[in-house]
Protein backbone atom coordinates (compact mmCIF):
# COMPACT_ATOMS: atom_id res chain seq x y z
CA MET A 1 -224.71 29.82 -81.26
CA ASP A 2 -228.30 28.66 -81.04
CA GLY A 3 -231.14 30.98 -80.16
CA GLN A 4 -231.44 29.71 -76.59
CA GLU A 5 -227.83 30.53 -75.79
CA SER A 6 -228.12 33.98 -77.35
CA ARG A 7 -231.28 34.69 -75.34
CA PHE A 8 -229.57 33.41 -72.21
CA LEU A 9 -226.71 35.86 -72.80
CA ASP A 10 -229.26 38.66 -73.07
CA GLU A 11 -230.83 37.53 -69.78
CA LEU A 12 -227.43 37.57 -68.10
CA GLN A 13 -226.79 41.07 -69.40
CA ALA A 14 -230.16 42.33 -68.16
CA PHE A 15 -229.63 40.80 -64.72
CA LEU A 16 -226.15 42.28 -64.32
CA HIS A 17 -227.51 45.72 -65.24
CA GLN A 18 -230.20 45.77 -62.54
CA PRO A 19 -229.49 48.66 -60.11
CA ALA A 20 -229.69 46.37 -57.07
CA ILE A 21 -227.16 44.00 -58.63
CA GLU A 22 -224.83 46.82 -59.64
CA LEU A 23 -224.85 47.94 -56.00
CA LEU A 24 -223.51 44.56 -54.90
CA PHE A 25 -220.63 44.95 -57.31
CA SER A 26 -219.87 48.59 -56.50
CA LEU A 27 -219.85 48.28 -52.70
CA HIS A 28 -217.21 46.37 -50.76
CA PRO A 29 -217.69 44.89 -47.25
CA ASN A 30 -215.18 47.41 -45.89
CA THR A 31 -217.32 50.31 -47.10
CA THR A 32 -220.32 49.12 -45.06
CA VAL A 33 -218.60 49.61 -41.69
CA THR A 34 -217.70 53.29 -41.97
CA PRO A 35 -219.46 55.67 -39.54
CA ASP A 36 -221.45 57.46 -42.24
CA PHE A 37 -222.61 54.36 -44.14
CA ILE A 38 -226.35 54.15 -44.73
CA PRO A 39 -227.68 50.86 -46.15
CA PRO A 40 -229.22 51.36 -49.61
CA GLU A 41 -232.99 51.16 -49.83
CA ALA A 42 -232.62 48.02 -51.96
CA TRP A 43 -231.12 46.24 -48.94
CA SER A 44 -234.04 46.95 -46.63
CA SER A 45 -235.43 43.45 -47.17
CA TRP A 46 -232.41 41.69 -45.73
CA TRP A 47 -230.17 44.11 -43.79
CA GLU A 48 -232.18 43.93 -40.57
CA TRP A 49 -232.86 40.20 -40.96
CA ALA A 50 -229.15 39.49 -41.35
CA GLY A 51 -228.43 41.19 -38.02
CA GLU A 52 -231.20 39.55 -36.02
CA PRO A 53 -230.04 37.11 -33.33
CA THR A 54 -230.82 33.46 -33.86
CA SER A 55 -231.03 30.55 -31.47
CA ASP A 56 -229.70 28.25 -34.18
CA THR A 57 -225.97 27.50 -34.33
CA GLU A 58 -226.19 27.81 -38.11
CA SER A 59 -225.14 31.23 -39.37
CA LYS A 60 -227.39 33.30 -41.61
CA TRP A 61 -225.14 32.89 -44.65
CA GLN A 62 -225.26 29.10 -44.22
CA GLN A 63 -229.06 29.23 -44.24
CA LEU A 64 -228.86 31.13 -47.50
CA TRP A 65 -226.48 28.56 -48.93
CA ARG A 66 -228.86 25.68 -48.10
CA TYR A 67 -231.60 27.52 -49.96
CA TYR A 68 -229.39 28.42 -52.92
CA ALA A 69 -227.39 25.24 -53.55
CA PRO A 70 -229.82 22.35 -54.24
CA ASP A 71 -230.35 21.39 -57.87
CA ALA A 72 -234.06 20.92 -57.21
CA ALA A 73 -236.21 23.82 -56.04
CA PRO A 74 -236.24 23.93 -52.22
CA ASP A 75 -239.40 23.76 -50.13
CA GLU A 76 -240.26 27.42 -49.58
CA GLY A 77 -241.93 26.58 -46.30
CA ASP A 78 -238.64 25.37 -44.85
CA PHE A 79 -237.08 28.77 -45.55
CA ALA A 80 -239.98 31.10 -44.76
CA ALA A 81 -237.80 32.99 -42.27
CA ILE A 82 -235.60 34.24 -45.11
CA PRO A 83 -237.10 37.45 -46.60
CA ALA A 84 -238.99 36.72 -49.82
CA PRO A 85 -237.02 39.24 -51.97
CA LEU A 86 -233.80 37.59 -50.83
CA ARG A 87 -235.09 34.16 -51.82
CA ALA A 88 -236.14 35.52 -55.22
CA TYR A 89 -232.65 36.96 -55.74
CA LEU A 90 -230.97 33.66 -54.87
CA ARG A 91 -233.30 31.68 -57.14
CA ARG A 92 -232.55 33.98 -60.04
CA ALA A 93 -228.79 33.88 -59.46
CA ARG A 94 -229.01 30.07 -59.32
CA GLU A 95 -230.93 29.96 -62.62
CA LEU A 96 -228.53 32.24 -64.47
CA GLN A 97 -225.46 30.04 -64.64
CA LEU A 98 -224.19 27.34 -66.93
CA SER A 99 -224.21 23.72 -65.79
CA ARG A 100 -220.83 22.73 -64.34
CA SER A 101 -220.92 18.93 -63.92
CA GLN A 102 -217.72 17.23 -65.01
CA GLY A 103 -217.96 15.41 -68.34
CA THR A 104 -220.90 17.44 -69.61
CA GLU A 105 -221.14 20.47 -71.83
CA ALA A 106 -221.32 23.73 -69.89
CA SER A 107 -224.78 24.46 -71.20
CA VAL A 108 -227.80 26.63 -70.61
CA PRO A 109 -229.96 25.17 -67.78
CA GLY A 110 -232.16 22.36 -69.04
CA LEU A 111 -229.91 21.49 -71.98
CA GLU A 112 -227.21 19.57 -70.13
CA ARG A 113 -225.71 16.67 -72.08
CA ARG A 114 -222.62 14.55 -71.84
CA ASP A 115 -219.69 15.55 -74.05
CA HIS A 116 -218.66 12.68 -76.31
CA TYR A 117 -214.91 13.21 -75.87
CA ALA A 118 -215.07 13.26 -72.07
CA PRO A 119 -213.29 10.35 -70.33
CA THR A 120 -215.76 7.81 -69.00
CA SER A 121 -213.42 6.38 -66.38
CA LYS A 122 -211.75 8.07 -63.43
CA ALA A 123 -209.06 5.39 -63.28
CA PHE A 124 -205.82 6.29 -65.04
CA PRO A 125 -202.61 4.24 -65.33
CA ARG A 126 -199.60 5.31 -63.30
CA ASN A 127 -197.47 7.79 -65.19
CA ALA A 128 -193.97 8.97 -64.33
CA ASN A 129 -194.81 12.39 -65.78
CA LEU A 130 -197.11 12.99 -62.81
CA HIS A 131 -194.24 12.73 -60.34
CA GLY A 132 -194.15 15.75 -58.00
CA MET A 133 -197.52 17.17 -59.03
CA SER A 134 -200.25 18.23 -56.61
CA PRO A 135 -203.48 16.16 -56.57
CA LYS A 136 -205.31 19.07 -58.24
CA LYS A 137 -202.75 19.40 -61.02
CA THR A 138 -202.63 15.62 -61.48
CA HIS A 139 -206.42 15.56 -61.87
CA GLU A 140 -206.32 18.32 -64.48
CA VAL A 141 -203.43 16.95 -66.54
CA GLN A 142 -204.84 13.42 -66.56
CA TYR A 143 -208.32 14.46 -67.66
CA MET A 144 -207.16 17.02 -70.18
CA SER A 145 -204.64 14.72 -71.85
CA LYS A 146 -207.20 11.90 -71.97
CA TYR A 147 -209.79 14.27 -73.43
CA ALA A 148 -207.24 15.39 -76.02
CA ALA A 149 -206.46 11.76 -76.89
CA ASN A 150 -210.16 11.02 -77.45
CA MET A 151 -210.56 14.16 -79.54
CA LEU A 152 -207.51 13.44 -81.70
CA SER A 153 -208.59 9.85 -82.24
CA ASP A 154 -212.01 10.94 -83.43
CA LEU A 155 -210.57 13.63 -85.69
CA ALA A 156 -208.20 11.07 -87.25
CA ALA A 157 -211.14 8.74 -87.89
CA HIS A 158 -212.80 11.56 -89.81
CA GLY A 159 -209.75 12.46 -91.88
CA THR A 160 -207.91 15.06 -89.79
CA VAL A 161 -204.66 13.60 -88.47
CA ILE A 162 -202.86 15.90 -86.02
CA ARG A 163 -199.27 15.20 -85.04
CA HIS A 164 -198.32 18.64 -83.67
CA ALA A 165 -199.60 20.69 -80.75
CA VAL A 166 -198.70 24.01 -79.15
CA ASP A 167 -199.17 24.21 -75.37
CA VAL A 168 -199.66 27.91 -74.61
CA GLY A 169 -198.72 29.17 -71.15
CA ALA A 170 -197.17 25.76 -70.53
CA GLY A 171 -195.56 26.57 -67.19
CA GLN A 172 -193.44 23.60 -66.20
CA ALA A 173 -194.81 21.62 -69.15
CA TYR A 174 -196.77 18.99 -67.22
CA LEU A 175 -199.47 18.94 -69.88
CA SER A 176 -196.89 19.19 -72.68
CA ARG A 177 -195.21 15.97 -71.57
CA ALA A 178 -198.56 14.23 -71.23
CA LEU A 179 -199.55 15.27 -74.76
CA ARG A 180 -196.21 14.09 -76.09
CA ASP A 181 -196.24 10.73 -74.35
CA ASP A 182 -199.95 9.89 -74.11
CA CYS A 183 -201.08 11.36 -77.45
CA ASN A 184 -197.88 10.71 -79.45
CA LEU A 185 -197.60 14.37 -80.43
CA ARG A 186 -194.74 16.68 -81.20
CA VAL A 187 -195.26 19.55 -78.77
CA LEU A 188 -194.11 23.15 -78.56
CA ALA A 189 -194.34 24.40 -74.96
CA VAL A 190 -194.61 28.20 -74.92
CA ASP A 191 -194.31 30.31 -71.78
CA TRP A 192 -193.20 33.82 -70.87
CA SER A 193 -191.00 32.82 -67.92
CA SER A 194 -187.48 31.43 -68.04
CA VAL A 195 -188.03 30.20 -64.48
CA GLN A 196 -190.86 28.01 -65.72
CA GLU A 197 -188.70 26.74 -68.57
CA GLU A 198 -185.96 25.78 -66.12
CA GLY A 199 -188.57 24.09 -63.94
CA ALA A 200 -189.87 22.17 -66.94
CA ALA A 201 -186.38 20.88 -67.67
CA ARG A 202 -186.03 19.69 -64.07
CA ARG A 203 -189.41 17.97 -64.21
CA GLU A 204 -188.38 16.20 -67.41
CA LYS A 205 -185.28 14.84 -65.69
CA ASP A 206 -187.32 13.81 -62.65
CA ALA A 207 -189.76 11.93 -64.90
CA GLU A 208 -186.92 10.16 -66.68
CA ARG A 209 -185.42 9.07 -63.35
CA ALA A 210 -188.83 7.85 -62.20
CA LYS A 211 -189.17 5.72 -65.32
CA GLY A 212 -185.81 4.10 -64.67
CA LYS A 213 -182.82 3.95 -66.98
CA GLY A 214 -183.46 2.04 -70.17
CA LYS A 215 -186.92 0.93 -69.01
CA LYS A 216 -189.74 1.14 -71.50
CA THR A 217 -193.35 1.40 -70.48
CA GLN A 218 -195.88 -0.80 -72.25
CA ARG A 219 -197.29 2.28 -73.94
CA GLN A 220 -193.89 3.12 -75.39
CA ALA A 221 -193.52 -0.44 -76.61
CA ASP A 222 -196.93 -0.28 -78.25
CA GLN A 223 -195.93 2.91 -80.06
CA HIS A 224 -192.58 1.56 -81.24
CA ASP A 225 -193.72 1.14 -84.81
CA ALA A 226 -195.35 4.58 -84.92
CA VAL A 227 -192.31 6.51 -83.69
CA PRO A 228 -189.08 6.47 -85.71
CA PRO A 229 -186.04 5.19 -83.75
CA ASP A 230 -184.37 8.62 -83.83
CA ASP A 231 -187.58 10.38 -82.74
CA THR A 232 -186.69 10.64 -79.06
CA ALA A 233 -188.90 12.09 -76.35
CA ALA A 234 -186.58 15.07 -76.04
CA ALA A 235 -186.79 15.76 -79.77
CA ARG A 236 -190.58 15.73 -79.64
CA LEU A 237 -190.84 18.48 -77.01
CA ALA A 238 -189.45 21.98 -77.56
CA TYR A 239 -189.56 24.97 -75.19
CA ARG A 240 -189.79 28.60 -76.20
CA LYS A 241 -189.84 31.65 -73.93
CA ILE A 242 -191.65 34.63 -75.47
CA VAL A 243 -193.95 37.50 -74.56
CA ILE A 244 -197.15 35.83 -75.68
CA THR A 245 -199.59 37.70 -77.89
CA ALA A 246 -201.74 36.48 -80.76
CA ASP A 247 -199.08 37.65 -83.23
CA SER A 248 -196.07 36.25 -81.37
CA LEU A 249 -197.85 32.93 -80.91
CA VAL A 250 -198.34 32.63 -84.67
CA THR A 251 -194.72 33.62 -85.33
CA VAL A 252 -193.16 31.17 -82.86
CA THR A 253 -195.35 28.39 -84.24
CA ASP A 254 -194.26 29.27 -87.79
CA GLU A 255 -190.63 28.91 -86.75
CA TRP A 256 -191.20 25.69 -84.84
CA VAL A 257 -193.14 24.02 -87.66
CA ALA A 258 -190.43 25.00 -90.15
CA ASN A 259 -187.83 23.49 -87.84
CA GLN A 260 -189.89 20.31 -87.54
CA HIS A 261 -189.92 20.01 -91.33
CA ASP A 262 -186.13 20.44 -91.39
CA LEU A 263 -185.67 17.74 -88.75
CA THR A 264 -188.01 15.21 -90.34
CA GLY A 265 -187.37 16.05 -93.97
CA ALA A 266 -191.10 16.57 -94.53
CA SER A 267 -192.49 19.58 -96.36
CA GLY A 268 -195.77 19.63 -94.48
CA ASP A 269 -198.73 17.39 -93.84
CA SER A 270 -200.98 18.90 -96.49
CA SER A 271 -201.17 21.60 -99.14
CA ASP A 272 -202.92 23.97 -96.74
CA GLY A 273 -200.32 23.65 -93.98
CA THR A 274 -199.38 21.31 -91.17
CA PRO A 275 -202.38 20.63 -88.88
CA VAL A 276 -201.67 21.91 -85.36
CA ALA A 277 -203.75 21.71 -82.18
CA LEU A 278 -203.66 24.79 -79.94
CA VAL A 279 -203.92 23.79 -76.29
CA ALA A 280 -203.84 25.78 -73.06
CA LEU A 281 -204.42 24.68 -69.47
CA HIS A 282 -205.36 27.72 -67.39
CA ALA A 283 -204.36 30.45 -69.80
CA CYS A 284 -204.34 33.44 -67.47
CA GLY A 285 -206.33 36.57 -68.18
CA SER A 286 -206.13 37.77 -71.77
CA LEU A 287 -203.94 34.83 -72.77
CA THR A 288 -207.09 32.82 -73.50
CA LEU A 289 -208.23 35.52 -75.94
CA ASP A 290 -204.76 35.67 -77.49
CA VAL A 291 -204.98 31.95 -78.26
CA LEU A 292 -208.46 32.29 -79.76
CA ARG A 293 -207.41 35.29 -81.86
CA ALA A 294 -204.31 33.45 -83.07
CA PHE A 295 -206.53 30.50 -84.03
CA VAL A 296 -208.82 32.70 -86.11
CA ARG A 297 -206.05 34.75 -87.74
CA GLN A 298 -203.98 31.75 -88.76
CA LEU A 299 -207.03 29.89 -90.03
CA ARG A 300 -207.87 32.90 -92.20
CA PHE A 301 -204.30 33.00 -93.52
CA ALA A 302 -204.34 29.24 -94.16
CA GLN A 303 -207.16 29.75 -96.65
CA THR A 304 -204.67 31.51 -98.94
CA GLY A 305 -202.72 28.25 -99.29
CA GLN A 306 -199.50 29.96 -98.19
CA ALA A 307 -199.50 29.17 -94.46
CA PRO A 308 -196.90 26.72 -93.10
CA TRP A 309 -199.45 25.47 -90.57
CA ARG A 310 -203.15 25.65 -89.85
CA PRO A 311 -205.15 25.34 -86.64
CA ALA A 312 -206.88 21.96 -86.77
CA ALA A 313 -208.34 21.84 -83.25
CA GLY A 314 -208.40 23.86 -80.05
CA LEU A 315 -208.68 22.93 -76.37
CA ILE A 316 -208.34 26.00 -74.15
CA VAL A 317 -209.07 26.39 -70.43
CA GLY A 318 -208.96 29.97 -69.19
CA CYS A 319 -208.49 31.36 -65.70
CA CYS A 320 -207.58 34.50 -63.71
CA TYR A 321 -210.21 36.84 -65.12
CA ASN A 322 -208.79 39.55 -62.87
CA LEU A 323 -205.67 39.56 -65.10
CA LEU A 324 -207.57 40.55 -68.24
CA ARG A 325 -206.09 43.53 -70.04
CA PRO A 326 -208.30 46.65 -69.77
CA GLU A 327 -209.29 46.45 -73.44
CA ASP A 328 -210.56 42.89 -72.87
CA CYS A 329 -212.82 43.78 -69.92
CA THR A 330 -215.87 44.11 -72.10
CA SER A 331 -218.22 41.96 -74.16
CA LEU A 332 -216.65 40.47 -77.28
CA THR A 333 -220.08 40.30 -78.92
CA GLY A 334 -220.88 43.98 -78.42
CA ARG A 335 -223.27 43.61 -75.49
CA LYS A 336 -223.32 46.49 -73.04
CA VAL A 337 -221.34 44.80 -70.29
CA ASN A 338 -218.10 46.24 -68.96
CA PHE A 339 -216.36 44.36 -66.19
CA ALA A 340 -214.95 46.24 -63.22
CA GLU A 341 -212.37 44.74 -60.89
CA SER A 342 -215.12 43.49 -58.58
CA HIS A 343 -216.84 41.56 -61.40
CA LEU A 344 -213.62 39.79 -62.31
CA GLN A 345 -212.62 39.03 -58.73
CA LEU A 346 -216.05 37.58 -57.94
CA ALA A 347 -216.06 35.50 -61.14
CA ALA A 348 -213.54 33.19 -59.45
CA GLN A 349 -216.04 32.19 -56.75
CA MET A 350 -217.81 28.82 -56.83
CA PRO A 351 -220.32 28.99 -53.96
CA LEU A 352 -222.08 25.77 -54.95
CA GLN A 353 -219.02 23.90 -53.65
CA TRP A 354 -218.73 25.71 -50.32
CA CYS A 355 -220.59 23.29 -48.08
CA ARG A 356 -220.52 20.03 -50.03
CA THR A 357 -218.30 18.40 -47.40
CA ASP A 358 -217.39 19.14 -43.79
CA ALA A 359 -213.92 20.24 -44.91
CA ALA A 360 -215.38 22.55 -47.56
CA LEU A 361 -217.77 24.05 -44.98
CA ALA A 362 -214.87 24.70 -42.60
CA ASP A 363 -212.92 26.43 -45.37
CA ALA A 364 -215.92 28.54 -46.42
CA SER A 365 -216.67 29.51 -42.83
CA LEU A 366 -213.07 30.59 -42.32
CA ALA A 367 -213.15 32.63 -45.53
CA ALA A 368 -216.36 34.38 -44.44
CA ARG A 369 -214.86 35.09 -41.02
CA LYS A 370 -211.75 36.61 -42.59
CA ILE A 371 -213.86 38.94 -44.73
CA ALA A 372 -216.05 39.96 -41.78
CA TRP A 373 -213.31 40.42 -39.19
CA ARG A 374 -211.06 42.42 -41.47
CA ALA A 375 -214.02 44.63 -42.36
CA LEU A 376 -214.87 45.07 -38.67
CA LEU A 377 -211.26 46.02 -38.02
CA SER A 378 -211.41 48.48 -40.92
CA GLY A 379 -214.47 50.05 -39.30
CA ILE A 380 -212.71 50.33 -35.95
CA MET A 381 -209.73 51.99 -37.61
CA SER A 382 -211.85 54.34 -39.74
CA ARG A 383 -213.63 55.62 -36.64
CA SER A 384 -210.31 56.41 -35.01
CA THR A 385 -208.46 57.79 -38.06
CA GLU A 386 -211.33 59.11 -40.22
CA GLU A 387 -209.82 57.23 -43.17
CA GLN A 388 -212.36 56.15 -45.75
CA PRO A 389 -211.81 52.94 -47.76
CA LEU A 390 -211.32 53.12 -51.50
CA LEU A 391 -213.99 51.80 -53.85
CA SER A 392 -212.05 48.53 -53.90
CA GLY A 393 -212.46 48.32 -50.11
CA ARG A 394 -208.74 48.70 -49.46
CA THR A 395 -207.42 50.96 -46.72
CA ARG A 396 -203.88 51.86 -45.77
CA GLU A 397 -204.26 50.03 -42.45
CA LEU A 398 -205.46 46.79 -44.01
CA ARG A 399 -202.64 46.93 -46.53
CA ARG A 400 -200.23 47.23 -43.61
CA LEU A 401 -201.97 44.35 -41.85
CA GLY A 402 -201.22 42.13 -44.83
CA ARG A 403 -202.03 38.45 -45.13
CA LEU A 404 -202.42 36.64 -41.82
CA SER A 405 -202.23 32.92 -41.11
CA ASP A 406 -205.47 31.01 -40.64
CA SER A 407 -204.69 30.61 -36.94
CA ALA A 408 -204.94 34.40 -36.53
CA TYR A 409 -208.71 34.08 -37.01
CA ARG A 410 -209.21 31.43 -34.34
CA ASP A 411 -210.70 33.90 -31.85
CA TRP A 412 -211.55 37.60 -31.86
CA GLU A 413 -209.22 38.71 -29.08
CA GLY A 414 -206.29 36.89 -30.65
CA PHE A 415 -207.05 38.53 -33.99
CA LEU A 416 -207.10 41.98 -32.39
CA ALA A 417 -203.84 41.31 -30.56
CA ILE A 418 -202.09 40.45 -33.82
CA ALA A 419 -203.63 43.48 -35.55
CA GLN A 420 -202.57 45.78 -32.72
CA GLU A 421 -198.98 44.59 -32.95
CA LYS A 422 -198.85 45.01 -36.72
CA LEU A 423 -200.67 48.34 -36.91
CA ASP A 424 -199.31 49.93 -33.74
CA ALA A 425 -202.85 51.02 -32.87
CA LYS A 426 -204.85 50.18 -29.75
CA VAL A 427 -207.66 47.85 -30.74
CA VAL A 428 -207.43 45.07 -28.14
CA GLY A 429 -210.53 45.02 -25.99
CA VAL A 430 -212.93 46.31 -28.63
CA ALA A 431 -216.10 44.23 -28.46
CA ARG A 432 -216.94 41.85 -31.27
CA ASP A 433 -219.97 43.24 -33.12
CA ARG A 434 -221.83 40.03 -33.93
CA VAL A 435 -224.76 41.87 -35.53
CA MET A 436 -222.52 43.58 -38.06
CA GLU A 437 -220.46 40.42 -38.47
CA SER A 438 -223.55 38.49 -39.55
CA ARG A 439 -224.53 41.25 -41.97
CA LEU A 440 -221.05 41.24 -43.47
CA GLU A 441 -221.14 37.46 -43.93
CA VAL A 442 -224.52 37.68 -45.65
CA PHE A 443 -223.32 40.55 -47.84
CA HIS A 444 -220.24 38.53 -48.79
CA PHE A 445 -222.42 35.56 -49.75
CA LEU A 446 -224.82 37.69 -51.80
CA ARG A 447 -221.87 39.07 -53.76
CA CYS A 448 -220.24 35.67 -54.28
CA VAL A 449 -223.33 34.07 -55.84
CA LEU A 450 -222.92 36.62 -58.61
CA GLY A 451 -219.57 35.03 -59.52
CA PRO A 452 -220.98 32.09 -61.52
CA VAL A 453 -223.33 34.52 -63.31
CA VAL A 454 -220.40 36.67 -64.40
CA GLU A 455 -218.33 33.67 -65.45
CA SER A 456 -221.27 32.24 -67.41
CA PHE A 457 -221.52 35.51 -69.33
CA ILE A 458 -217.77 35.55 -70.03
CA LEU A 459 -217.76 31.94 -71.27
CA LEU A 460 -220.86 32.21 -73.46
CA ASP A 461 -219.73 35.57 -74.81
CA ARG A 462 -216.41 34.03 -75.88
CA LYS A 463 -218.19 31.08 -77.45
CA GLN A 464 -220.54 33.25 -79.47
CA TRP A 465 -217.71 35.55 -80.58
CA LEU A 466 -215.61 32.59 -81.73
CA GLN A 467 -218.55 31.05 -83.57
CA GLU A 468 -219.15 34.33 -85.38
CA GLN A 469 -215.49 34.61 -86.36
CA LEU A 470 -215.31 31.02 -87.62
CA ALA A 471 -218.61 31.29 -89.49
CA GLY A 472 -216.94 33.82 -91.74
CA LEU A 473 -214.39 31.16 -92.65
CA GLY A 474 -216.80 28.64 -94.10
CA ASN A 475 -218.95 27.66 -91.11
CA ALA A 476 -217.07 24.37 -90.93
CA TRP A 477 -216.29 24.53 -87.21
CA GLU A 478 -218.01 23.50 -84.01
CA VAL A 479 -217.37 25.34 -80.73
CA ARG A 480 -218.32 23.76 -77.41
CA LEU A 481 -217.89 24.65 -73.75
CA VAL A 482 -217.00 21.49 -71.84
CA ASN A 483 -216.65 20.81 -68.11
CA LEU A 484 -213.32 19.02 -68.21
CA PHE A 485 -212.60 18.87 -64.49
CA ASP A 486 -214.43 18.32 -61.22
CA GLN A 487 -214.90 21.59 -59.35
CA GLY A 488 -215.16 19.57 -56.16
CA SER A 489 -211.52 18.55 -56.58
CA GLY A 490 -210.49 22.21 -56.37
CA SER A 491 -210.44 22.88 -60.11
CA ALA A 492 -212.57 26.01 -60.02
CA ARG A 493 -211.94 26.98 -63.65
CA ASN A 494 -213.05 23.70 -65.14
CA VAL A 495 -214.50 24.76 -68.51
CA GLY A 496 -212.59 24.14 -71.72
CA ILE A 497 -213.32 25.86 -75.03
CA VAL A 498 -213.28 23.05 -77.58
CA VAL A 499 -212.92 23.87 -81.28
CA VAL A 500 -213.14 21.02 -83.81
CA PRO A 501 -214.14 20.60 -87.47
CA ARG A 502 -217.81 19.83 -87.99
CA SER A 503 -216.82 16.68 -89.86
CA SER A 504 -215.96 15.09 -86.50
CA ARG A 505 -218.77 13.41 -84.64
């Protein structure tokens, strides 16, 4: 990791440790509506402002978003009504996040550059493997498989030919089939769920039906010489259900590679083991770290000359930070950052996308209303029952209320009527507190802009840790963070950790 990235990590750490920032993590909207709540002194600059009436139809949180979101610095005069400390906070939160434009490296601000493996076209040929997939999933599988194809082609040009890949947390094997068919790879799809394995088998049959019996695509015809006649699509994709850890991932890959050698009659691609790419699309929680640890451990073992396979490249997209194991909720590089549940929940937020389109604005407004109204209801209930919310903001009543449909939040009286029926408590007729509602929406926004800061720390921390681990193995590896997907398409976790030999371009 270069000095700028290391310094940026230190800046992120310092920001997250500021007392005013720690308050935003430790307090939940539901805790601010209890009868004995007193706003912290650090909030004095915005608490009253957030509750002031406005003649504008635009809500206070939307004003904050317009100030926060532009790439270029806004005209301060246009936002003079927003308290100066609040503007300073938003500017700093905006500065302390990695760039997230699709096709570029997720880099420190000011260092953005296009990644050379990123697809240059958004037009992809029709593919039967995409049958039944959501637009979001289609977008991700298309871009990731194309990125992998570009990466593998470049590696081959520089002497590293990869014919095998392990898709970790494969789910229903959408990406696995794309890697097999579009990249001409033998693929091991690993998942923990038998339900997903059964779904993958159904999807395979659906794709075959969509292709038509006996019909060959042009791509298959082009690859005819490269694929032996008995090397069928089914033979080139294997499924394994295991409890995935770094150790079990290495073991199942050992077994699969040995079986591949038995099937093909080959004894391996090289003296230091068969080159294998480790791939994961949205490896939940600690699964991302399991893949990275398996990569490092097997690479270390491969140096002994006794390993049946060696990691030759990695392409890993993480997600679901809230599912990290407790021992992984800390800095890998030894920085003094420990993530609580609130950090990891907020890391999923992408506020820059909230108001990019009318539809996105409607969704964000609804989400803010849900947070505010449920908190207001919690306050009403706490005044009548004297129940105090937990640190997480949860109360017994809100747990009983459960998830409501979007239509339940169409109007205040309708929301109260539904709540009264579910909770068996008289709340209908309670006035809507618009002052507190505005404060809650602002508080929610101020917390959410911390999400990209937290995620930037997590991503850079993982990159630096991996670089340090690989440096001890000869310093022959390059690690990049790449924005594979478009966040505007709904792919919130769009950053892939790319690991390739330095001999590639």
